[in-house]
Every structure is written in structure tokens, then in C-alpha cells.
Amino acid sequence: MLSSNIMLQQKTTTQLWGKSTANTAVTITISWNKKSYRVKADAVFCDTVENK
């Protein structure tokens, strides 16, 4: 389970899984570089973020 202010290991790749309403766009914004990852969810989603 992830929440605000979670700490991730540097220089790794992390997969983020979650649930949302079907056919909803989910945006994940990384605080250290302000990069956003956007995925269209069908109730469950997974995206990979670079921790570099």
C-alpha cells in the first residue's frame, strides 16, 4: 500500500499498482522531478516509474 510521503529507493525502477473506477485516467506525479505518469485504468492499473 502506498500513500503520500512514501520513500522509494534511489536509482531503481518501481511498479505502482492501484484500483480506480473503470475507464478512468490516473495520474501519478513524482515529487523529486515533477514528472507525471498517466495511465487509463480499467478498474486495476499498473505503471512503472524511474527513481533516478
N, C-alpha and C. Protein backbone atom coordinates (compact mmCIF):
# COMPACT_ATOMS: atom_id res chain seq x y z
N MET A 1 0.84 -1.17 0.00
CA MET A 1 0.00 0.00 0.00
C MET A 1 0.89 1.24 0.00
N LEU A 2 0.58 2.17 -0.85
CA LEU A 2 1.34 3.42 -0.95
C LEU A 2 0.48 4.58 -0.46
N SER A 3 1.15 5.60 0.03
CA SER A 3 0.44 6.79 0.48
C SER A 3 1.33 8.01 0.26
N SER A 4 0.84 9.16 0.61
CA SER A 4 1.63 10.38 0.50
C SER A 4 2.90 10.25 1.32
N ASN A 5 3.96 10.87 0.83
CA ASN A 5 5.25 10.92 1.52
C ASN A 5 5.96 9.57 1.63
N ILE A 6 5.62 8.63 0.77
CA ILE A 6 6.31 7.34 0.77
C ILE A 6 7.73 7.54 0.26
N MET A 7 8.66 6.73 0.72
CA MET A 7 10.05 6.82 0.28
C MET A 7 10.36 5.62 -0.61
N LEU A 8 10.96 5.87 -1.77
CA LEU A 8 11.37 4.81 -2.69
C LEU A 8 12.89 4.80 -2.79
N GLN A 9 13.44 3.63 -3.04
CA GLN A 9 14.89 3.52 -3.19
C GLN A 9 15.35 4.24 -4.45
N GLN A 10 16.46 4.98 -4.35
CA GLN A 10 17.00 5.72 -5.49
C GLN A 10 17.57 4.77 -6.54
N LYS A 11 17.60 5.25 -7.79
CA LYS A 11 18.22 4.57 -8.92
C LYS A 11 17.65 3.18 -9.14
N THR A 12 16.34 3.06 -8.99
CA THR A 12 15.64 1.81 -9.26
C THR A 12 14.41 2.10 -10.10
N THR A 13 13.79 1.04 -10.55
CA THR A 13 12.52 1.14 -11.25
C THR A 13 11.46 0.51 -10.36
N THR A 14 10.34 1.18 -10.19
CA THR A 14 9.29 0.71 -9.29
C THR A 14 7.98 0.58 -10.05
N GLN A 15 7.28 -0.54 -9.85
CA GLN A 15 5.95 -0.69 -10.43
C GLN A 15 4.92 -0.26 -9.40
N LEU A 16 3.99 0.57 -9.82
CA LEU A 16 2.92 1.04 -8.96
C LEU A 16 1.61 0.41 -9.43
N TRP A 17 0.91 -0.25 -8.53
CA TRP A 17 -0.38 -0.87 -8.82
C TRP A 17 -1.46 -0.14 -8.04
N GLY A 18 -2.66 -0.13 -8.58
CA GLY A 18 -3.75 0.50 -7.86
C GLY A 18 -5.10 0.15 -8.43
N LYS A 19 -6.13 0.66 -7.85
CA LYS A 19 -7.51 0.45 -8.30
C LYS A 19 -8.15 1.79 -8.53
N SER A 20 -9.05 1.83 -9.50
CA SER A 20 -9.81 3.04 -9.77
C SER A 20 -11.12 2.63 -10.42
N THR A 21 -11.96 3.61 -10.66
CA THR A 21 -13.17 3.37 -11.42
C THR A 21 -12.79 3.01 -12.84
N ALA A 22 -13.50 2.08 -13.45
CA ALA A 22 -13.20 1.66 -14.82
C ALA A 22 -13.23 2.84 -15.78
N ASN A 23 -12.33 2.80 -16.76
CA ASN A 23 -12.21 3.84 -17.80
C ASN A 23 -11.88 5.22 -17.24
N THR A 24 -11.09 5.25 -16.18
CA THR A 24 -10.66 6.49 -15.56
C THR A 24 -9.18 6.72 -15.83
N ALA A 25 -8.79 7.94 -16.11
CA ALA A 25 -7.38 8.28 -16.27
C ALA A 25 -6.78 8.52 -14.89
N VAL A 26 -5.66 7.86 -14.61
CA VAL A 26 -4.97 8.01 -13.33
C VAL A 26 -3.63 8.69 -13.60
N THR A 27 -3.31 9.72 -12.84
CA THR A 27 -2.03 10.42 -12.99
C THR A 27 -1.23 10.26 -11.70
N ILE A 28 0.02 9.83 -11.87
CA ILE A 28 0.96 9.70 -10.76
C ILE A 28 2.04 10.75 -10.98
N THR A 29 2.25 11.64 -10.03
CA THR A 29 3.27 12.68 -10.15
C THR A 29 4.35 12.44 -9.11
N ILE A 30 5.59 12.37 -9.58
CA ILE A 30 6.73 12.12 -8.72
C ILE A 30 7.23 13.46 -8.18
N SER A 31 7.40 13.56 -6.88
CA SER A 31 7.73 14.85 -6.25
C SER A 31 9.14 15.34 -6.54
N TRP A 32 10.12 14.43 -6.68
CA TRP A 32 11.50 14.89 -6.82
C TRP A 32 11.85 15.44 -8.18
N ASN A 33 11.08 15.08 -9.23
CA ASN A 33 11.37 15.64 -10.54
C ASN A 33 10.12 16.18 -11.24
N LYS A 34 9.00 16.13 -10.55
CA LYS A 34 7.72 16.63 -11.05
C LYS A 34 7.26 15.93 -12.32
N LYS A 35 7.84 14.77 -12.65
CA LYS A 35 7.43 14.00 -13.83
C LYS A 35 6.11 13.31 -13.54
N SER A 36 5.20 13.34 -14.51
CA SER A 36 3.89 12.70 -14.34
C SER A 36 3.79 11.48 -15.24
N TYR A 37 3.17 10.46 -14.70
CA TYR A 37 2.88 9.23 -15.43
C TYR A 37 1.37 9.11 -15.48
N ARG A 38 0.83 8.88 -16.68
CA ARG A 38 -0.62 8.81 -16.83
C ARG A 38 -0.98 7.47 -17.45
N VAL A 39 -1.98 6.84 -16.90
CA VAL A 39 -2.44 5.54 -17.39
C VAL A 39 -3.96 5.53 -17.39
N LYS A 40 -4.56 4.88 -18.38
CA LYS A 40 -6.01 4.72 -18.40
C LYS A 40 -6.32 3.40 -17.71
N ALA A 41 -7.11 3.45 -16.68
CA ALA A 41 -7.37 2.28 -15.85
C ALA A 41 -8.69 1.61 -16.22
N ASP A 42 -8.66 0.31 -16.18
CA ASP A 42 -9.88 -0.49 -16.29
C ASP A 42 -10.10 -1.19 -14.95
N ALA A 43 -10.31 -0.42 -13.94
CA ALA A 43 -10.51 -0.84 -12.55
C ALA A 43 -9.19 -1.13 -11.84
N VAL A 44 -8.21 -1.74 -12.52
CA VAL A 44 -6.90 -2.01 -11.95
C VAL A 44 -5.86 -1.42 -12.88
N PHE A 45 -4.80 -0.81 -12.34
CA PHE A 45 -3.77 -0.24 -13.20
C PHE A 45 -2.39 -0.57 -12.67
N CYS A 46 -1.41 -0.52 -13.55
CA CYS A 46 -0.02 -0.69 -13.18
C CYS A 46 0.80 0.23 -14.05
N ASP A 47 1.77 0.91 -13.48
CA ASP A 47 2.68 1.75 -14.24
C ASP A 47 4.06 1.64 -13.61
N THR A 48 5.09 1.91 -14.40
CA THR A 48 6.45 1.82 -13.93
C THR A 48 7.04 3.22 -13.87
N VAL A 49 7.68 3.56 -12.75
CA VAL A 49 8.31 4.86 -12.59
C VAL A 49 9.82 4.68 -12.41
N GLU A 50 10.57 5.61 -12.93
CA GLU A 50 12.03 5.60 -12.81
C GLU A 50 12.44 6.42 -11.60
N ASN A 51 13.18 5.85 -10.69
CA ASN A 51 13.63 6.55 -9.48
C ASN A 51 15.08 6.98 -9.67
N LYS A 52 15.31 7.91 -10.58
CA LYS A 52 16.69 8.31 -10.90
C LYS A 52 16.89 9.77 -10.69
